[in-house]
Amino acid sequence: MLTFFKLMGRLPLPLLHALGWGLGWLIWLLGPTYRQRWREHTAQAQLGRGARWASVGAAGQQMAELPRIWFGAPVPLRWDGAEHIEAVLRQRHGLLLLTPHLGCFELTAQAYAQRFGAQAQPDGTPPQPITALYRPPRMAALHPVLQAARVRLGMCTAPTDLSGVRQLLRALKQGQTVGLLPDQVPPAGMGVWAPFFGRSAYTMTLAARLAQVSGTQVLLIWGERLPWGRGYVLRVRPWRELVGAPLAPEPQAAAAQINLAMQAVIGHCPAQYLWGYARYKGPRGEGSAGTAGSGTASSG
């Protein structure tokens, strides 16, 4: 499996994106459950017709580009808003980077590690490594692939268990950076029901807990895919710019704010969000769904 991914990583990015576009449509056509979930979620978000249909192919591109991102030559990319990261690093504060399942989210941590985690900045600011939360794959054959892909200079991974949470908290307290996808559905007891595009979604409380570590600054980041395989733009925005208010101390209110921030990020390029992701499913181990905000939670 690892050899296959490394061979695929040698292919040009435009070819991988073309293959991925076809793969996305193939999965959509052959997967009735996935297709129904995609329909429900895009309708819930009131997605425009153009972005709605473009998201089908974009979901496949998100998978097809991974071998190149993980094992291939560096892809073309530029930063938009890197000065926000630089400002936090100069203050020696912990930094929490939040991104949804949007665009090339795998690239965000890797690009950060290369630019900020592995080397000092021109102004003398020391390198600040990033620790990203890591959920082991269900397929055992993918374990060595992901281990080889995500272990690199300036970047560490933390498992999705109590030891991983401690690792993330420790990193922030030491003035380092943490990367997190807060639109992942957490296990039962590790989240609250909060509105996401007007419908209750079980939302992790971990992101808010990390944001409340003393001195931690929160930035939103996403890797926007450019058309025709031309590369990516890594966009960074301050929390206040997209949410307009500080993060609330209460878990329920904080979860709603984080979902609102994810909606704002998704609104910048909605066609690149993974609308087929089972965002509204109930957590593992919970017998019945709860409600929060508007709408009713479902297994999605």
Protein backbone atom coordinates (compact mmCIF):
# COMPACT_ATOMS: atom_id res chain seq x y z
CA MET A 1 0.00 0.00 0.00
CA LEU A 2 2.81 2.41 0.89
CA THR A 3 4.56 1.68 -2.42
CA PHE A 4 1.34 2.40 -4.33
CA PHE A 5 0.90 5.77 -2.62
CA LYS A 6 4.51 6.73 -3.30
CA LEU A 7 4.11 5.84 -6.99
CA MET A 8 0.88 7.85 -7.20
CA GLY A 9 2.70 10.74 -5.55
CA ARG A 10 4.91 11.07 -8.61
CA LEU A 11 1.98 11.98 -10.86
CA PRO A 12 1.40 15.63 -11.85
CA LEU A 13 -1.12 17.46 -9.71
CA PRO A 14 -3.39 18.36 -12.68
CA LEU A 15 -3.64 14.66 -13.59
CA LEU A 16 -4.43 13.66 -10.01
CA HIS A 17 -7.15 16.31 -9.79
CA ALA A 18 -8.63 15.14 -13.09
CA LEU A 19 -8.66 11.54 -11.87
CA GLY A 20 -10.08 12.69 -8.55
CA TRP A 21 -12.91 14.56 -10.22
CA GLY A 22 -13.95 11.35 -11.97
CA LEU A 23 -13.55 9.37 -8.74
CA GLY A 24 -15.81 11.80 -6.90
CA TRP A 25 -18.58 11.36 -9.42
CA LEU A 26 -18.13 7.58 -9.46
CA ILE A 27 -18.52 7.39 -5.67
CA TRP A 28 -21.55 9.69 -5.84
CA LEU A 29 -23.22 7.57 -8.54
CA LEU A 30 -22.50 4.21 -6.93
CA GLY A 31 -23.10 5.18 -3.27
CA PRO A 32 -26.81 5.74 -2.53
CA THR A 33 -26.23 6.38 1.19
CA TYR A 34 -23.45 8.84 0.49
CA ARG A 35 -25.52 10.52 -2.23
CA GLN A 36 -28.53 10.92 0.06
CA ARG A 37 -26.39 12.38 2.83
CA TRP A 38 -24.80 14.80 0.34
CA ARG A 39 -28.28 15.90 -0.80
CA GLU A 40 -29.49 16.47 2.75
CA HIS A 41 -26.42 18.39 3.84
CA THR A 42 -26.17 20.66 0.80
CA ALA A 43 -29.89 21.40 1.07
CA GLN A 44 -29.54 22.11 4.80
CA ALA A 45 -26.79 24.64 4.06
CA GLN A 46 -28.83 26.13 1.18
CA LEU A 47 -25.87 25.65 -1.12
CA GLY A 48 -26.12 27.24 -4.55
CA ARG A 49 -26.58 24.99 -7.55
CA GLY A 50 -23.10 25.60 -8.98
CA ALA A 51 -21.22 24.98 -5.73
CA ARG A 52 -23.45 22.01 -4.95
CA TRP A 53 -22.57 20.10 -8.11
CA ALA A 54 -18.92 21.20 -8.07
CA SER A 55 -18.56 19.66 -4.60
CA VAL A 56 -19.12 16.16 -6.02
CA GLY A 57 -15.92 16.23 -8.06
CA ALA A 58 -14.04 18.22 -5.40
CA ALA A 59 -14.60 15.43 -2.86
CA GLY A 60 -12.80 13.03 -5.17
CA GLN A 61 -9.99 15.52 -5.75
CA GLN A 62 -9.53 15.70 -1.99
CA MET A 63 -8.71 11.98 -1.98
CA ALA A 64 -6.70 11.81 -5.20
CA GLU A 65 -4.31 14.62 -4.21
CA LEU A 66 -3.21 12.93 -0.98
CA PRO A 67 -0.38 10.80 -2.46
CA ARG A 68 1.19 13.94 -3.95
CA ILE A 69 0.73 15.92 -0.73
CA TRP A 70 2.18 13.12 1.40
CA PHE A 71 4.96 11.67 -0.75
CA GLY A 72 5.43 13.73 -3.91
CA ALA A 73 7.38 16.83 -4.83
CA PRO A 74 6.25 20.08 -3.15
CA VAL A 75 3.07 21.48 -4.66
CA PRO A 76 2.68 25.12 -5.76
CA LEU A 77 1.25 27.16 -2.90
CA ARG A 78 1.08 30.69 -1.62
CA TRP A 79 0.06 32.16 1.71
CA ASP A 80 -2.69 34.69 2.31
CA GLY A 81 -2.58 35.96 5.88
CA ALA A 82 0.70 34.41 7.07
CA GLU A 83 1.39 37.66 8.94
CA HIS A 84 -1.25 36.63 11.51
CA ILE A 85 0.77 33.52 12.35
CA GLU A 86 4.00 35.49 12.45
CA ALA A 87 2.50 37.97 14.91
CA VAL A 88 1.49 35.19 17.33
CA LEU A 89 4.85 33.45 17.07
CA ARG A 90 6.69 36.69 17.91
CA GLN A 91 4.67 36.91 21.13
CA ARG A 92 5.74 33.37 22.10
CA HIS A 93 2.10 32.42 22.70
CA GLY A 94 0.48 29.07 22.09
CA LEU A 95 -1.38 28.99 18.75
CA LEU A 96 -4.51 27.00 17.93
CA LEU A 97 -5.19 26.55 14.21
CA LEU A 98 -8.74 25.45 13.34
CA THR A 99 -9.85 24.18 9.94
CA PRO A 100 -12.89 22.24 8.73
CA HIS A 101 -12.97 19.36 6.22
CA LEU A 102 -12.46 21.90 3.47
CA GLY A 103 -10.14 21.96 0.48
CA CYS A 104 -6.79 20.31 1.15
CA PHE A 105 -6.86 20.30 4.94
CA GLU A 106 -3.95 17.82 5.01
CA LEU A 107 -1.73 20.51 3.49
CA THR A 108 -2.32 23.09 6.21
CA ALA A 109 -0.32 21.37 8.94
CA GLN A 110 2.44 20.29 6.55
CA ALA A 111 2.86 23.76 5.08
CA TYR A 112 2.89 25.30 8.55
CA ALA A 113 5.54 22.80 9.69
CA GLN A 114 7.74 23.57 6.72
CA ARG A 115 7.55 27.36 7.07
CA PHE A 116 7.19 27.90 10.82
CA GLY A 117 7.87 24.62 12.62
CA ALA A 118 11.19 23.51 11.21
CA GLN A 119 13.23 26.70 10.96
CA ALA A 120 13.66 30.09 12.58
CA GLN A 121 12.03 33.12 10.97
CA PRO A 122 14.04 35.91 9.28
CA ASP A 123 13.41 38.16 12.29
CA GLY A 124 14.98 35.59 14.62
CA THR A 125 11.73 34.10 15.96
CA PRO A 126 12.54 30.47 16.84
CA PRO A 127 10.74 27.58 15.15
CA GLN A 128 7.45 26.57 16.74
CA PRO A 129 6.42 22.98 15.87
CA ILE A 130 2.80 21.96 15.30
CA THR A 131 0.98 19.03 16.89
CA ALA A 132 -2.04 17.77 14.98
CA LEU A 133 -4.78 15.51 16.32
CA TYR A 134 -4.66 12.16 14.52
CA ARG A 135 -7.45 9.59 14.21
CA PRO A 136 -6.09 6.15 13.25
CA PRO A 137 -7.62 4.79 10.02
CA ARG A 138 -10.12 1.94 10.12
CA MET A 139 -8.14 0.01 7.51
CA ALA A 140 -5.05 -1.55 9.09
CA ALA A 141 -3.22 -1.40 5.75
CA LEU A 142 -3.30 2.41 5.90
CA HIS A 143 -1.48 2.67 9.23
CA PRO A 144 2.05 2.58 7.77
CA VAL A 145 0.98 4.98 5.01
CA LEU A 146 -0.25 7.62 7.44
CA GLN A 147 2.67 7.13 9.80
CA ALA A 148 5.12 7.72 6.95
CA ALA A 149 3.11 10.68 5.63
CA ARG A 150 2.55 12.62 8.84
CA VAL A 151 5.85 12.24 10.65
CA ARG A 152 8.07 15.05 9.45
CA LEU A 153 10.32 17.82 10.73
CA GLY A 154 8.40 20.45 12.68
CA MET A 155 5.25 18.33 12.95
CA CYS A 156 4.00 15.84 15.56
CA THR A 157 0.74 13.89 15.82
CA ALA A 158 -1.46 13.20 18.82
CA PRO A 159 -3.91 10.26 19.04
CA THR A 160 -7.62 10.80 19.62
CA ASP A 161 -7.59 9.62 23.23
CA LEU A 162 -6.85 11.04 26.66
CA SER A 163 -3.09 10.85 26.14
CA GLY A 164 -3.50 12.84 22.92
CA VAL A 165 -5.54 15.52 24.69
CA ARG A 166 -2.80 15.85 27.30
CA GLN A 167 -0.22 16.13 24.52
CA LEU A 168 -2.16 18.97 22.88
CA LEU A 169 -2.61 20.84 26.16
CA ARG A 170 1.08 20.44 26.96
CA ALA A 171 2.08 21.78 23.54
CA LEU A 172 0.00 24.94 23.99
CA LYS A 173 1.27 25.53 27.51
CA GLN A 174 4.81 25.35 26.10
CA GLY A 175 3.98 28.04 23.55
CA GLN A 176 3.71 25.67 20.60
CA THR A 177 1.06 25.26 17.90
CA VAL A 178 -1.84 22.81 17.70
CA GLY A 179 -3.89 21.96 14.61
CA LEU A 180 -7.45 20.65 14.89
CA LEU A 181 -10.49 19.86 12.73
CA PRO A 182 -13.35 20.84 15.07
CA ASP A 183 -16.08 19.56 12.73
CA GLN A 184 -15.14 15.95 13.51
CA VAL A 185 -17.81 14.06 15.47
CA PRO A 186 -16.31 13.20 18.89
CA PRO A 187 -17.12 10.13 21.01
CA ALA A 188 -20.02 10.27 23.45
CA GLY A 189 -19.33 12.45 26.47
CA MET A 190 -16.74 14.57 24.66
CA GLY A 191 -19.11 16.98 22.95
CA VAL A 192 -22.37 18.91 23.08
CA TRP A 193 -25.20 19.38 20.61
CA ALA A 194 -24.82 22.72 18.84
CA PRO A 195 -26.25 24.19 15.62
CA PHE A 196 -24.31 23.76 12.39
CA PHE A 197 -26.00 25.33 9.37
CA GLY A 198 -29.20 25.44 11.43
CA ARG A 199 -29.26 21.77 12.44
CA SER A 200 -28.01 20.19 15.65
CA ALA A 201 -24.63 18.51 15.31
CA TYR A 202 -22.67 16.75 18.03
CA THR A 203 -19.72 19.10 18.43
CA MET A 204 -16.44 18.54 20.26
CA THR A 205 -15.70 20.59 23.36
CA LEU A 206 -11.96 19.96 22.95
CA ALA A 207 -11.44 22.93 20.62
CA ALA A 208 -12.88 25.35 23.18
CA ARG A 209 -10.90 23.72 25.98
CA LEU A 210 -7.68 24.17 24.04
CA ALA A 211 -8.54 27.76 23.12
CA GLN A 212 -8.93 28.59 26.80
CA VAL A 213 -5.37 27.57 27.70
CA SER A 214 -3.77 30.72 29.08
CA GLY A 215 -2.25 32.92 26.37
CA THR A 216 -3.48 30.79 23.45
CA GLN A 217 -4.40 32.63 20.27
CA VAL A 218 -6.91 31.17 17.79
CA LEU A 219 -6.61 31.47 14.01
CA LEU A 220 -8.70 29.94 11.24
CA ILE A 221 -6.81 28.35 8.36
CA TRP A 222 -7.79 26.49 5.21
CA GLY A 223 -6.07 25.19 2.08
CA GLU A 224 -8.06 26.37 -0.92
CA ARG A 225 -7.56 24.27 -4.05
CA LEU A 226 -6.91 26.25 -7.24
CA PRO A 227 -8.52 25.09 -10.51
CA TRP A 228 -6.73 23.03 -13.14
CA GLY A 229 -4.16 21.67 -10.72
CA ARG A 230 -2.43 25.04 -10.29
CA GLY A 231 -1.79 24.48 -6.60
CA TYR A 232 -3.24 25.94 -3.41
CA VAL A 233 -3.73 29.09 -1.40
CA LEU A 234 -3.34 28.76 2.36
CA ARG A 235 -5.63 31.37 3.88
CA VAL A 236 -5.33 32.48 7.51
CA ARG A 237 -7.85 34.67 9.32
CA PRO A 238 -8.13 35.87 12.93
CA TRP A 239 -10.96 34.49 15.04
CA ARG A 240 -12.49 37.94 15.61
CA GLU A 241 -12.63 38.69 11.89
CA LEU A 242 -14.93 35.74 11.21
CA VAL A 243 -16.84 35.46 14.48
CA GLY A 244 -16.80 39.02 15.84
CA ALA A 245 -16.77 38.08 19.52
CA PRO A 246 -14.37 36.36 21.94
CA LEU A 247 -14.85 32.67 22.61
CA ALA A 248 -17.43 32.10 25.35
CA PRO A 249 -16.34 30.28 28.53
CA GLU A 250 -19.40 27.97 28.60
CA PRO A 251 -18.99 24.73 26.56
CA GLN A 252 -22.41 24.97 24.89
CA ALA A 253 -21.97 28.57 23.76
CA ALA A 254 -18.34 27.99 22.75
CA ALA A 255 -19.30 24.99 20.60
CA ALA A 256 -21.94 27.07 18.83
CA GLN A 257 -19.37 29.81 18.17
CA ILE A 258 -16.85 27.32 16.78
CA ASN A 259 -19.48 25.90 14.45
CA LEU A 260 -20.27 29.44 13.36
CA ALA A 261 -16.57 29.99 12.62
CA MET A 262 -16.48 26.81 10.55
CA GLN A 263 -19.52 27.99 8.60
CA ALA A 264 -17.78 31.28 7.88
CA VAL A 265 -14.68 29.47 6.60
CA ILE A 266 -16.77 27.12 4.47
CA GLY A 267 -18.57 30.13 3.02
CA HIS A 268 -15.31 31.25 1.35
CA CYS A 269 -15.23 28.18 -0.93
CA PRO A 270 -18.31 26.01 -0.23
CA ALA A 271 -17.74 23.78 -3.26
CA GLN A 272 -14.63 22.39 -1.53
CA TYR A 273 -16.31 21.29 1.70
CA LEU A 274 -16.80 17.56 2.24
CA TRP A 275 -20.59 17.65 2.24
CA GLY A 276 -20.81 13.85 2.24
CA TYR A 277 -19.18 13.69 5.68
CA ALA A 278 -21.60 12.32 8.29
CA ARG A 279 -21.54 15.53 10.30
CA TYR A 280 -24.95 15.07 11.92
CA LYS A 281 -24.55 11.50 13.13
CA GLY A 282 -24.83 10.68 16.79
CA PRO A 283 -21.64 9.92 18.75
CA ARG A 284 -20.50 6.38 19.38
CA GLY A 285 -21.90 5.06 22.62
CA GLU A 286 -24.90 7.41 22.83
CA GLY A 287 -28.24 5.70 22.69
CA SER A 288 -30.39 8.67 21.76
CA ALA A 289 -29.82 11.95 20.02
CA GLY A 290 -30.17 15.25 21.79
CA THR A 291 -31.11 18.67 20.54
CA ALA A 292 -29.43 22.02 20.55
CA GLY A 293 -30.22 25.21 18.76
CA SER A 294 -32.65 24.59 15.91
CA GLY A 295 -33.28 21.26 14.29
CA THR A 296 -33.01 17.72 15.63
CA ALA A 297 -29.89 15.61 15.76
CA SER A 298 -29.86 12.52 13.61
CA SER A 299 -27.53 9.70 12.73
CA GLY A 300 -26.95 11.38 9.35
